[in-house]
Structure formats: C-alpha cells, structure tokens
Amino acid sequence: MGPGSRVREVRPSDREDLIRGYLDLYREREVDPFVGIVLGERAPSVEAENSWFDGLMEGLRVGKKVACVADVGGHAVGLCDVTRRGYAGVGDIAHVGDLGILVHRGHRDQGLGEALLRRVIEECQGRFELLVLSVFANNARAKHLYEKVGFRHYGTLPRGIKRNGGYVDSEEMYLELPPRTAVPRKKSA
C-alpha cells in the first residue's frame, strides 16, 4: 500500500464512494465482459444501492457482518465484507461467513486487496469458524491472492457464471479460522 492508504472500519460517510465504485463496475464490464465480480443484468438504481448500504451498516451493528474499507486520501476505494450465513445469523450454518471483496478500478495492484483481506480475516477470528468465497475460474490474479492469505480450493461449479451468452466456471474456496485465543494474564506476586 502506498502513502496515504490505510484499511479502516466502514463509516456512514463511505456511502457515496462505495456506491459509485460498485456502479462503475457496470461500465467496466462494457470493456471487459468477464470483469471478476458477479453483477446483475442491469445496474441497480441509486435507491437500491442506498438500501444495500443501509443493510451493510445494520449488519455491522447487529454482528451479522464484518467489513472494512481501503481508504486512499480520505475516500473509500475498496470494500471487503463477510456476511454470516443462516437465517438471521443463527442456526447450524451461522459459523460460516461469505466473503466478498471489491477494489475500485484505478486502485488495483497496489496491495489494497491483500491488506483488506488480512484485516477482515483478523476481525473474523473468534466470530466465524469458516470463510467461503466464489471466484471466476479465469481470474488467476484473484485466486493467487486468496491462496496467498490461506484460502484453499474445494470445488468448481462448471458454467457457474453466465454473462453475455458465455460461461465461466465458478471456483469455490474456503479458509478455516483458528479460534481467537485469550492472552494469558501475568500472575501477580
């Protein structure tokens, strides 16, 4: 990461930066039809994205989500979040978190993605036991990054992503998190 870059908690003031960055992916897809993130057929409305952001903030408040942003010069230029599985974040699969990450165009290949992943993984320890993600099989750069931070491949869904009449396999990866251990206290004399 360069000077003026850092990873921090998500703030309400990040709304506009995060929404703008996500909507920009739809323009990016026009240049690269297989830009490595799952998108809807059409860009969502700003109202829908505002609702998404409200849900993100509520998920953080109630403990159903963990998220951090990459900040460059006071602007959120990337987001990594983990969402607890299970109905209302409880039940037999609530120990599993679904991970998603996005670094805005123009800020990739600067170490921000790795920094975001490492910070979110650290924040997830003691809250989740497993993290899972899906990645476009043709996205070698992303797969390398995920492997670098400890994710392992566990399956492939052939033709799992359909876009513009073409298909890409979806690779599934997971990371087992160690339980957070308490720091031993010093015995008083």
N, C-alpha and C. Protein backbone atom coordinates (compact mmCIF):
# COMPACT_ATOMS: atom_id res chain seq x y z
N MET A 1 0.85 -1.18 0.00
CA MET A 1 0.00 0.00 0.00
C MET A 1 0.88 1.23 0.00
N GLY A 2 0.40 2.22 -0.69
CA GLY A 2 1.19 3.44 -0.82
C GLY A 2 0.91 4.43 0.30
N PRO A 3 1.64 5.53 0.29
CA PRO A 3 1.41 6.58 1.28
C PRO A 3 -0.02 7.12 1.16
N GLY A 4 -0.61 7.42 2.28
CA GLY A 4 -1.98 7.92 2.28
C GLY A 4 -3.03 6.83 2.17
N SER A 5 -2.60 5.55 2.18
CA SER A 5 -3.51 4.41 2.10
C SER A 5 -3.60 3.73 3.45
N ARG A 6 -4.80 3.27 3.77
CA ARG A 6 -4.96 2.51 5.00
C ARG A 6 -6.24 1.69 4.91
N VAL A 7 -6.35 0.71 5.80
CA VAL A 7 -7.57 -0.08 5.94
C VAL A 7 -8.21 0.32 7.25
N ARG A 8 -9.51 0.55 7.21
CA ARG A 8 -10.21 1.01 8.40
C ARG A 8 -11.64 0.48 8.40
N GLU A 9 -12.35 0.78 9.49
CA GLU A 9 -13.75 0.38 9.60
C GLU A 9 -14.60 1.16 8.60
N VAL A 10 -15.77 0.61 8.29
CA VAL A 10 -16.71 1.29 7.40
C VAL A 10 -17.41 2.39 8.20
N ARG A 11 -17.59 3.53 7.56
CA ARG A 11 -18.27 4.67 8.19
C ARG A 11 -19.49 5.06 7.34
N PRO A 12 -20.48 5.68 7.97
CA PRO A 12 -21.63 6.16 7.19
C PRO A 12 -21.21 7.10 6.05
N SER A 13 -20.14 7.83 6.23
CA SER A 13 -19.68 8.77 5.20
C SER A 13 -19.09 8.06 3.97
N ASP A 14 -18.93 6.73 4.02
CA ASP A 14 -18.40 5.96 2.89
C ASP A 14 -19.46 5.64 1.84
N ARG A 15 -20.70 5.94 2.16
CA ARG A 15 -21.83 5.57 1.29
C ARG A 15 -21.59 5.94 -0.18
N GLU A 16 -21.34 7.21 -0.44
CA GLU A 16 -21.23 7.67 -1.83
C GLU A 16 -20.06 7.02 -2.56
N ASP A 17 -18.89 6.92 -1.91
CA ASP A 17 -17.72 6.31 -2.54
C ASP A 17 -17.98 4.85 -2.89
N LEU A 18 -18.58 4.10 -1.98
CA LEU A 18 -18.80 2.67 -2.22
C LEU A 18 -19.85 2.45 -3.29
N ILE A 19 -20.90 3.23 -3.27
CA ILE A 19 -21.94 3.08 -4.30
C ILE A 19 -21.38 3.45 -5.67
N ARG A 20 -20.66 4.54 -5.75
CA ARG A 20 -20.09 4.96 -7.03
C ARG A 20 -19.13 3.90 -7.57
N GLY A 21 -18.30 3.34 -6.71
CA GLY A 21 -17.35 2.31 -7.13
C GLY A 21 -18.04 1.05 -7.64
N TYR A 22 -19.13 0.66 -6.98
CA TYR A 22 -19.86 -0.53 -7.42
C TYR A 22 -20.54 -0.27 -8.77
N LEU A 23 -21.20 0.86 -8.90
CA LEU A 23 -21.89 1.17 -10.15
C LEU A 23 -20.89 1.30 -11.30
N ASP A 24 -19.67 1.71 -11.01
CA ASP A 24 -18.64 1.82 -12.04
C ASP A 24 -18.31 0.45 -12.65
N LEU A 25 -18.53 -0.63 -11.90
CA LEU A 25 -18.26 -1.97 -12.44
C LEU A 25 -19.11 -2.26 -13.68
N TYR A 26 -20.29 -1.69 -13.74
CA TYR A 26 -21.14 -1.92 -14.90
C TYR A 26 -20.54 -1.26 -16.15
N ARG A 27 -19.90 -0.13 -16.00
CA ARG A 27 -19.20 0.49 -17.12
C ARG A 27 -17.93 -0.30 -17.45
N GLU A 28 -17.28 -0.81 -16.44
CA GLU A 28 -16.07 -1.60 -16.64
C GLU A 28 -16.39 -2.89 -17.40
N ARG A 29 -17.56 -3.47 -17.12
CA ARG A 29 -17.97 -4.71 -17.79
C ARG A 29 -18.13 -4.50 -19.29
N GLU A 30 -18.43 -3.27 -19.72
CA GLU A 30 -18.56 -2.98 -21.15
C GLU A 30 -17.22 -3.17 -21.86
N VAL A 31 -16.11 -2.91 -21.15
CA VAL A 31 -14.77 -3.08 -21.71
C VAL A 31 -14.30 -4.52 -21.54
N ASP A 32 -14.53 -5.09 -20.36
CA ASP A 32 -14.14 -6.46 -20.04
C ASP A 32 -15.39 -7.23 -19.64
N PRO A 33 -16.00 -7.97 -20.58
CA PRO A 33 -17.28 -8.64 -20.29
C PRO A 33 -17.20 -9.60 -19.09
N PHE A 34 -16.02 -10.07 -18.75
CA PHE A 34 -15.90 -11.00 -17.64
C PHE A 34 -15.14 -10.40 -16.46
N VAL A 35 -15.36 -9.09 -16.21
CA VAL A 35 -14.79 -8.47 -15.03
C VAL A 35 -15.17 -9.34 -13.84
N GLY A 36 -14.20 -9.62 -12.98
CA GLY A 36 -14.32 -10.69 -12.00
C GLY A 36 -15.20 -10.47 -10.80
N ILE A 37 -16.43 -10.04 -10.99
CA ILE A 37 -17.37 -9.95 -9.88
C ILE A 37 -18.76 -10.21 -10.46
N VAL A 38 -19.59 -10.90 -9.71
CA VAL A 38 -20.93 -11.20 -10.17
C VAL A 38 -21.77 -9.92 -10.13
N LEU A 39 -22.42 -9.64 -11.24
CA LEU A 39 -23.23 -8.44 -11.37
C LEU A 39 -24.62 -8.81 -11.87
N GLY A 40 -25.57 -7.94 -11.64
CA GLY A 40 -26.90 -8.11 -12.19
C GLY A 40 -26.90 -7.81 -13.67
N GLU A 41 -28.01 -8.12 -14.33
CA GLU A 41 -28.12 -7.86 -15.76
C GLU A 41 -27.99 -6.36 -16.05
N ARG A 42 -28.61 -5.55 -15.18
CA ARG A 42 -28.54 -4.09 -15.31
C ARG A 42 -28.04 -3.51 -14.00
N ALA A 43 -27.48 -2.35 -14.10
CA ALA A 43 -27.03 -1.65 -12.89
C ALA A 43 -28.25 -1.36 -12.01
N PRO A 44 -28.10 -1.55 -10.71
CA PRO A 44 -29.20 -1.22 -9.80
C PRO A 44 -29.39 0.29 -9.70
N SER A 45 -30.55 0.68 -9.21
CA SER A 45 -30.82 2.10 -9.01
C SER A 45 -30.01 2.61 -7.82
N VAL A 46 -29.84 3.91 -7.77
CA VAL A 46 -29.17 4.52 -6.63
C VAL A 46 -29.96 4.24 -5.36
N GLU A 47 -31.29 4.22 -5.46
CA GLU A 47 -32.13 3.90 -4.30
C GLU A 47 -31.84 2.49 -3.79
N ALA A 48 -31.71 1.54 -4.72
CA ALA A 48 -31.40 0.16 -4.32
C ALA A 48 -30.03 0.09 -3.65
N GLU A 49 -29.07 0.83 -4.18
CA GLU A 49 -27.74 0.82 -3.58
C GLU A 49 -27.74 1.50 -2.21
N ASN A 50 -28.53 2.54 -2.04
CA ASN A 50 -28.66 3.16 -0.73
C ASN A 50 -29.25 2.16 0.27
N SER A 51 -30.22 1.38 -0.17
CA SER A 51 -30.82 0.34 0.68
C SER A 51 -29.76 -0.71 1.04
N TRP A 52 -28.93 -1.10 0.04
CA TRP A 52 -27.84 -2.05 0.30
C TRP A 52 -26.92 -1.49 1.38
N PHE A 53 -26.52 -0.22 1.24
CA PHE A 53 -25.60 0.37 2.21
C PHE A 53 -26.23 0.41 3.60
N ASP A 54 -27.51 0.74 3.69
CA ASP A 54 -28.20 0.73 4.99
C ASP A 54 -28.16 -0.67 5.60
N GLY A 55 -28.34 -1.71 4.75
CA GLY A 55 -28.27 -3.09 5.22
C GLY A 55 -26.87 -3.46 5.70
N LEU A 56 -25.86 -2.96 5.00
CA LEU A 56 -24.48 -3.19 5.43
C LEU A 56 -24.25 -2.61 6.82
N MET A 57 -24.65 -1.38 7.01
CA MET A 57 -24.44 -0.73 8.31
C MET A 57 -25.23 -1.44 9.42
N GLU A 58 -26.45 -1.86 9.12
CA GLU A 58 -27.25 -2.59 10.11
C GLU A 58 -26.62 -3.94 10.42
N GLY A 59 -26.13 -4.64 9.39
CA GLY A 59 -25.45 -5.92 9.61
C GLY A 59 -24.23 -5.78 10.50
N LEU A 60 -23.49 -4.70 10.32
CA LEU A 60 -22.33 -4.44 11.18
C LEU A 60 -22.79 -4.17 12.62
N ARG A 61 -23.86 -3.40 12.75
CA ARG A 61 -24.36 -3.05 14.08
C ARG A 61 -24.81 -4.27 14.87
N VAL A 62 -25.48 -5.22 14.20
CA VAL A 62 -26.03 -6.38 14.92
C VAL A 62 -25.08 -7.58 14.93
N GLY A 63 -23.91 -7.46 14.32
CA GLY A 63 -22.94 -8.55 14.36
C GLY A 63 -23.13 -9.62 13.31
N LYS A 64 -23.95 -9.36 12.30
CA LYS A 64 -24.14 -10.33 11.21
C LYS A 64 -23.07 -10.15 10.13
N LYS A 65 -22.37 -9.03 10.16
CA LYS A 65 -21.36 -8.73 9.16
C LYS A 65 -20.07 -8.23 9.82
N VAL A 66 -18.99 -8.42 9.09
CA VAL A 66 -17.69 -7.82 9.39
C VAL A 66 -17.28 -7.15 8.09
N ALA A 67 -16.80 -5.92 8.16
CA ALA A 67 -16.40 -5.23 6.93
C ALA A 67 -15.36 -4.16 7.23
N CYS A 68 -14.51 -3.94 6.23
CA CYS A 68 -13.53 -2.86 6.28
C CYS A 68 -13.42 -2.25 4.90
N VAL A 69 -12.94 -1.03 4.84
CA VAL A 69 -12.70 -0.36 3.57
C VAL A 69 -11.22 -0.05 3.42
N ALA A 70 -10.80 0.04 2.15
CA ALA A 70 -9.49 0.58 1.82
C ALA A 70 -9.71 2.07 1.62
N ASP A 71 -8.94 2.87 2.29
CA ASP A 71 -9.07 4.31 2.25
C ASP A 71 -7.81 4.89 1.62
N VAL A 72 -8.01 5.69 0.59
CA VAL A 72 -6.89 6.40 -0.05
C VAL A 72 -7.27 7.87 -0.07
N GLY A 73 -6.50 8.66 0.64
CA GLY A 73 -6.75 10.10 0.66
C GLY A 73 -8.11 10.49 1.21
N GLY A 74 -8.62 9.70 2.14
CA GLY A 74 -9.91 10.02 2.75
C GLY A 74 -11.12 9.49 2.00
N HIS A 75 -10.90 8.69 0.94
CA HIS A 75 -12.01 8.12 0.18
C HIS A 75 -11.95 6.61 0.23
N ALA A 76 -13.11 5.98 0.40
CA ALA A 76 -13.22 4.52 0.37
C ALA A 76 -13.09 4.06 -1.07
N VAL A 77 -12.05 3.28 -1.36
CA VAL A 77 -11.80 2.80 -2.72
C VAL A 77 -11.87 1.29 -2.81
N GLY A 78 -12.31 0.65 -1.76
CA GLY A 78 -12.46 -0.80 -1.76
C GLY A 78 -13.21 -1.22 -0.52
N LEU A 79 -13.84 -2.38 -0.62
CA LEU A 79 -14.62 -2.93 0.48
C LEU A 79 -14.40 -4.43 0.53
N CYS A 80 -14.21 -4.95 1.71
CA CYS A 80 -14.20 -6.39 1.94
C CYS A 80 -15.17 -6.64 3.08
N ASP A 81 -16.14 -7.54 2.82
CA ASP A 81 -17.12 -7.83 3.87
C ASP A 81 -17.37 -9.32 3.97
N VAL A 82 -17.80 -9.72 5.13
CA VAL A 82 -18.17 -11.10 5.41
C VAL A 82 -19.57 -11.06 6.02
N THR A 83 -20.45 -11.90 5.46
CA THR A 83 -21.82 -11.98 5.95
C THR A 83 -22.07 -13.35 6.54
N ARG A 84 -22.57 -13.37 7.75
CA ARG A 84 -22.86 -14.62 8.45
C ARG A 84 -23.98 -15.36 7.72
N ARG A 85 -23.81 -16.66 7.54
CA ARG A 85 -24.84 -17.49 6.93
C ARG A 85 -25.91 -17.83 7.95
N GLY A 86 -27.03 -18.29 7.45
CA GLY A 86 -28.10 -18.74 8.33
C GLY A 86 -29.19 -17.71 8.47
N TYR A 87 -30.36 -18.17 8.75
CA TYR A 87 -31.49 -17.29 8.93
C TYR A 87 -31.22 -16.38 10.12
N ALA A 88 -31.22 -15.10 9.89
CA ALA A 88 -30.96 -14.09 10.93
C ALA A 88 -29.63 -14.31 11.63
N GLY A 89 -28.70 -15.02 10.94
CA GLY A 89 -27.37 -15.21 11.50
C GLY A 89 -27.30 -16.20 12.65
N VAL A 90 -28.27 -17.11 12.72
CA VAL A 90 -28.26 -18.14 13.76
C VAL A 90 -28.49 -19.49 13.10
N GLY A 91 -28.23 -20.56 13.83
CA GLY A 91 -28.51 -21.89 13.32
C GLY A 91 -27.26 -22.67 12.98
N ASP A 92 -27.51 -23.77 12.28
CA ASP A 92 -26.46 -24.75 12.01
C ASP A 92 -25.34 -24.26 11.10
N ILE A 93 -25.57 -23.19 10.36
CA ILE A 93 -24.53 -22.71 9.44
C ILE A 93 -24.03 -21.31 9.80
N ALA A 94 -24.40 -20.83 10.97
CA ALA A 94 -24.03 -19.47 11.37
C ALA A 94 -22.54 -19.32 11.66
N HIS A 95 -21.80 -20.41 11.73
CA HIS A 95 -20.35 -20.33 11.95
C HIS A 95 -19.60 -20.04 10.65
N VAL A 96 -20.33 -19.98 9.52
CA VAL A 96 -19.74 -19.78 8.20
C VAL A 96 -20.04 -18.36 7.73
N GLY A 97 -19.03 -17.71 7.17
CA GLY A 97 -19.20 -16.37 6.62
C GLY A 97 -18.87 -16.35 5.14
N ASP A 98 -19.72 -15.69 4.37
CA ASP A 98 -19.49 -15.50 2.93
C ASP A 98 -18.70 -14.21 2.72
N LEU A 99 -17.56 -14.32 2.07
CA LEU A 99 -16.67 -13.19 1.87
C LEU A 99 -16.82 -12.61 0.47
N GLY A 100 -16.84 -11.30 0.40
CA GLY A 100 -16.82 -10.58 -0.86
C GLY A 100 -15.82 -9.45 -0.78
N ILE A 101 -15.21 -9.14 -1.90
CA ILE A 101 -14.21 -8.06 -1.91
C ILE A 101 -14.28 -7.33 -3.25
N LEU A 102 -14.04 -6.04 -3.19
CA LEU A 102 -14.01 -5.20 -4.38
C LEU A 102 -13.03 -4.07 -4.14
N VAL A 103 -12.12 -3.89 -5.09
CA VAL A 103 -11.24 -2.72 -5.10
C VAL A 103 -11.55 -1.97 -6.38
N HIS A 104 -11.82 -0.70 -6.26
CA HIS A 104 -12.22 0.11 -7.40
C HIS A 104 -11.11 0.21 -8.44
N ARG A 105 -11.55 0.30 -9.69
CA ARG A 105 -10.62 0.45 -10.81
C ARG A 105 -9.72 1.66 -10.54
N GLY A 106 -8.48 1.54 -10.90
CA GLY A 106 -7.52 2.62 -10.66
C GLY A 106 -6.79 2.48 -9.34
N HIS A 107 -7.27 1.56 -8.49
CA HIS A 107 -6.62 1.34 -7.19
C HIS A 107 -6.19 -0.12 -7.01
N ARG A 108 -6.31 -0.90 -8.08
CA ARG A 108 -5.91 -2.31 -8.01
C ARG A 108 -4.40 -2.43 -8.20
N ASP A 109 -3.87 -3.58 -7.81
CA ASP A 109 -2.44 -3.88 -7.95
C ASP A 109 -1.56 -2.95 -7.13
N GLN A 110 -2.09 -2.49 -5.99
CA GLN A 110 -1.34 -1.63 -5.08
C GLN A 110 -1.26 -2.22 -3.68
N GLY A 111 -1.71 -3.47 -3.52
CA GLY A 111 -1.67 -4.13 -2.22
C GLY A 111 -2.90 -3.87 -1.36
N LEU A 112 -3.87 -3.12 -1.88
CA LEU A 112 -5.06 -2.82 -1.08
C LEU A 112 -5.92 -4.06 -0.85
N GLY A 113 -6.08 -4.89 -1.86
CA GLY A 113 -6.88 -6.10 -1.72
C GLY A 113 -6.32 -7.02 -0.66
N GLU A 114 -5.02 -7.23 -0.69
CA GLU A 114 -4.39 -8.09 0.32
C GLU A 114 -4.54 -7.49 1.71
N ALA A 115 -4.33 -6.20 1.83
CA ALA A 115 -4.47 -5.55 3.14
C ALA A 115 -5.90 -5.67 3.66
N LEU A 116 -6.87 -5.47 2.77
CA LEU A 116 -8.28 -5.62 3.16
C LEU A 116 -8.57 -7.05 3.63
N LEU A 117 -8.13 -8.02 2.84
CA LEU A 117 -8.37 -9.43 3.21
C LEU A 117 -7.76 -9.76 4.56
N ARG A 118 -6.50 -9.40 4.74
CA ARG A 118 -5.83 -9.73 6.00
C ARG A 118 -6.54 -9.08 7.20
N ARG A 119 -6.94 -7.85 7.06
CA ARG A 119 -7.62 -7.16 8.17
C ARG A 119 -8.98 -7.80 8.47
N VAL A 120 -9.75 -8.11 7.44
CA VAL A 120 -11.06 -8.71 7.65
C VAL A 120 -10.92 -10.11 8.24
N ILE A 121 -9.96 -10.87 7.77
CA ILE A 121 -9.73 -12.20 8.34
C ILE A 121 -9.42 -12.08 9.83
N GLU A 122 -8.57 -11.13 10.17
CA GLU A 122 -8.24 -10.91 11.59
C GLU A 122 -9.50 -10.55 12.39
N GLU A 123 -10.33 -9.68 11.84
CA GLU A 123 -11.56 -9.27 12.53
C GLU A 123 -12.56 -10.42 12.67
N CYS A 124 -12.48 -11.39 11.76
CA CYS A 124 -13.41 -12.53 11.79
C CYS A 124 -13.02 -13.60 12.81
N GLN A 125 -11.77 -13.61 13.23
CA GLN A 125 -11.33 -14.62 14.19
C GLN A 125 -12.11 -14.46 15.49
N GLY A 126 -12.63 -15.58 15.96
CA GLY A 126 -13.45 -15.57 17.17
C GLY A 126 -14.91 -15.29 16.89
N ARG A 127 -15.24 -14.89 15.66
CA ARG A 127 -16.63 -14.64 15.26
C ARG A 127 -17.14 -15.68 14.28
N PHE A 128 -16.24 -16.20 13.46
CA PHE A 128 -16.56 -17.21 12.45
C PHE A 128 -15.55 -18.35 12.57
N GLU A 129 -15.94 -19.52 12.09
CA GLU A 129 -15.01 -20.65 12.03
C GLU A 129 -14.52 -20.90 10.62
N LEU A 130 -15.36 -20.61 9.63
CA LEU A 130 -15.02 -20.80 8.23
C LEU A 130 -15.42 -19.57 7.43
N LEU A 131 -14.57 -19.20 6.48
CA LEU A 131 -14.92 -18.19 5.49
C LEU A 131 -14.94 -18.87 4.14
N VAL A 132 -15.91 -18.53 3.31
CA VAL A 132 -16.02 -19.11 1.98
C VAL A 132 -16.18 -17.99 0.95
N LEU A 133 -15.78 -18.29 -0.27
CA LEU A 133 -15.93 -17.34 -1.36
C LEU A 133 -16.03 -18.09 -2.67
N SER A 134 -16.55 -17.42 -3.68
CA SER A 134 -16.58 -17.91 -5.05
C SER A 134 -15.75 -16.95 -5.88
N VAL A 135 -15.03 -17.50 -6.85
CA VAL A 135 -14.18 -16.68 -7.71
C VAL A 135 -14.30 -17.18 -9.14
N PHE A 136 -14.29 -16.26 -10.10
CA PHE A 136 -14.29 -16.64 -11.51
C PHE A 136 -13.06 -17.51 -11.74
N ALA A 137 -13.23 -18.66 -12.37
CA ALA A 137 -12.11 -19.59 -12.60
C ALA A 137 -11.03 -18.96 -13.46
N ASN A 138 -11.38 -18.00 -14.30
CA ASN A 138 -10.39 -17.38 -15.17
C ASN A 138 -9.71 -16.17 -14.52
N ASN A 139 -9.98 -15.92 -13.25
CA ASN A 139 -9.39 -14.77 -12.55
C ASN A 139 -8.17 -15.23 -11.75
N ALA A 140 -7.10 -15.50 -12.47
CA ALA A 140 -5.88 -16.03 -11.85
C ALA A 140 -5.32 -15.10 -10.79
N ARG A 141 -5.39 -13.80 -11.03
CA ARG A 141 -4.85 -12.83 -10.07
C ARG A 141 -5.57 -12.92 -8.73
N ALA A 142 -6.90 -12.99 -8.76
CA ALA A 142 -7.67 -13.09 -7.51
C ALA A 142 -7.42 -14.42 -6.82
N LYS A 143 -7.40 -15.52 -7.58
CA LYS A 143 -7.16 -16.83 -6.97
C LYS A 143 -5.80 -16.87 -6.28
N HIS A 144 -4.80 -16.28 -6.92
CA HIS A 144 -3.47 -16.23 -6.31
C HIS A 144 -3.50 -15.47 -4.99
N LEU A 145 -4.19 -14.34 -4.97
CA LEU A 145 -4.30 -13.55 -3.74
C LEU A 145 -5.00 -14.35 -2.65
N TYR A 146 -6.11 -15.00 -2.97
CA TYR A 146 -6.84 -15.77 -1.96
C TYR A 146 -5.97 -16.90 -1.41
N GLU A 147 -5.23 -17.58 -2.28
CA GLU A 147 -4.34 -18.64 -1.82
C GLU A 147 -3.23 -18.07 -0.94
N LYS A 148 -2.74 -16.91 -1.30
CA LYS A 148 -1.65 -16.27 -0.55
C LYS A 148 -2.06 -16.01 0.90
N VAL A 149 -3.34 -15.68 1.15
CA VAL A 149 -3.78 -15.40 2.51
C VAL A 149 -4.35 -16.65 3.19
N GLY A 150 -4.29 -17.82 2.52
CA GLY A 150 -4.65 -19.07 3.16
C GLY A 150 -5.90 -19.79 2.67
N PHE A 151 -6.64 -19.21 1.72
CA PHE A 151 -7.82 -19.90 1.19
C PHE A 151 -7.40 -21.12 0.38
N ARG A 152 -8.24 -22.16 0.44
CA ARG A 152 -7.99 -23.39 -0.31
C ARG A 152 -9.20 -23.71 -1.19
N HIS A 153 -8.89 -24.27 -2.34
CA HIS A 153 -9.92 -24.66 -3.31
C HIS A 153 -10.66 -25.88 -2.78
N TYR A 154 -11.99 -25.90 -2.89
CA TYR A 154 -12.73 -27.10 -2.51
C TYR A 154 -13.73 -27.55 -3.55
N GLY A 155 -13.86 -26.83 -4.64
CA GLY A 155 -14.78 -27.30 -5.67
C GLY A 155 -14.89 -26.30 -6.81
N THR A 156 -15.47 -26.81 -7.90
CA THR A 156 -15.72 -25.99 -9.07
C THR A 156 -17.14 -26.24 -9.53
N LEU A 157 -17.84 -25.17 -9.83
CA LEU A 157 -19.16 -25.26 -10.41
C LEU A 157 -19.02 -24.95 -11.89
N PRO A 158 -19.04 -26.00 -12.74
CA PRO A 158 -18.88 -25.74 -14.17
C PRO A 158 -19.99 -24.81 -14.68
N ARG A 159 -19.58 -23.83 -15.49
CA ARG A 159 -20.52 -22.87 -16.08
C ARG A 159 -21.33 -22.15 -15.00
N GLY A 160 -20.73 -21.94 -13.85
CA GLY A 160 -21.43 -21.32 -12.72
C GLY A 160 -21.76 -19.86 -12.91
N ILE A 161 -21.12 -19.19 -13.86
CA ILE A 161 -21.37 -17.78 -14.12
C ILE A 161 -21.72 -17.65 -15.60
N LYS A 162 -22.86 -17.02 -15.86
CA LYS A 162 -23.31 -16.81 -17.24
C LYS A 162 -23.41 -15.31 -17.49
N ARG A 163 -22.71 -14.89 -18.52
CA ARG A 163 -22.72 -13.46 -18.84
C ARG A 163 -22.59 -13.28 -20.34
N ASN A 164 -23.45 -12.44 -20.88
CA ASN A 164 -23.42 -12.12 -22.31
C ASN A 164 -23.40 -13.36 -23.20
N GLY A 165 -24.14 -14.38 -22.81
CA GLY A 165 -24.22 -15.60 -23.61
C GLY A 165 -23.04 -16.53 -23.45
N GLY A 166 -22.06 -16.17 -22.63
CA GLY A 166 -20.90 -17.03 -22.39
C GLY A 166 -20.87 -17.50 -20.95
N TYR A 167 -20.04 -18.48 -20.67
CA TYR A 167 -19.96 -19.07 -19.34
C TYR A 167 -18.53 -19.06 -18.82
N VAL A 168 -18.42 -19.00 -17.51
CA VAL A 168 -17.15 -19.16 -16.81
C VAL A 168 -17.44 -20.07 -15.62
N ASP A 169 -16.51 -20.98 -15.34
CA ASP A 169 -16.65 -21.80 -14.14
C ASP A 169 -16.49 -20.93 -12.90
N SER A 170 -17.16 -21.33 -11.83
CA SER A 170 -17.03 -20.66 -10.54
C SER A 170 -16.24 -21.58 -9.62
N GLU A 171 -15.13 -21.09 -9.10
CA GLU A 171 -14.33 -21.89 -8.16
C GLU A 171 -14.69 -21.49 -6.75
N GLU A 172 -14.82 -22.48 -5.90
CA GLU A 172 -15.21 -22.28 -4.52
C GLU A 172 -13.98 -22.47 -3.64
N MET A 173 -13.80 -21.56 -2.68
CA MET A 173 -12.63 -21.61 -1.81
C MET A 173 -13.07 -21.40 -0.36
N TYR A 174 -12.25 -21.88 0.57
CA TYR A 174 -12.57 -21.73 1.99
C TYR A 174 -11.30 -21.48 2.79
N LEU A 175 -11.52 -20.91 3.96
CA LEU A 175 -10.43 -20.66 4.91
C LEU A 175 -10.94 -21.04 6.29
N GLU A 176 -10.22 -21.93 6.96
CA GLU A 176 -10.55 -22.27 8.36
C GLU A 176 -9.88 -21.24 9.25
N LEU A 177 -10.65 -20.68 10.16
CA LEU A 177 -10.10 -19.68 11.08
C LEU A 177 -9.78 -20.32 12.41
N PRO A 178 -8.61 -20.03 12.94
CA PRO A 178 -8.30 -20.53 14.28
C PRO A 178 -9.14 -19.78 15.31
N PRO A 179 -9.49 -20.44 16.39
CA PRO A 179 -10.22 -19.70 17.42
C PRO A 179 -9.33 -18.61 17.99
N ARG A 180 -9.94 -17.51 18.36
CA ARG A 180 -9.19 -16.42 18.97
C ARG A 180 -8.79 -16.87 20.37
N THR A 181 -7.54 -16.79 20.66
CA THR A 181 -7.08 -17.24 21.98
C THR A 181 -6.87 -16.04 22.88
N ALA A 182 -7.20 -16.23 24.12
CA ALA A 182 -7.00 -15.16 25.10
C ALA A 182 -5.52 -15.03 25.42
N VAL A 183 -5.10 -13.84 25.64
CA VAL A 183 -3.72 -13.59 26.06
C VAL A 183 -3.61 -13.96 27.53
N PRO A 184 -2.66 -14.86 27.84
CA PRO A 184 -2.54 -15.25 29.26
C PRO A 184 -2.19 -14.05 30.15
N ARG A 185 -2.82 -14.00 31.27
CA ARG A 185 -2.53 -12.93 32.22
C ARG A 185 -1.28 -13.27 33.02
N LYS A 186 -0.57 -12.22 33.37
CA LYS A 186 0.60 -12.43 34.23
C LYS A 186 0.10 -12.67 35.64
N LYS A 187 0.72 -13.61 36.28
CA LYS A 187 0.34 -13.90 37.68
C LYS A 187 0.91 -12.82 38.58
N SER A 188 0.08 -12.37 39.46
CA SER A 188 0.57 -11.34 40.40
C SER A 188 1.28 -12.04 41.56
N ALA A 189 2.27 -11.39 42.07
CA ALA A 189 3.07 -11.96 43.15
C ALA A 189 2.47 -11.71 44.49
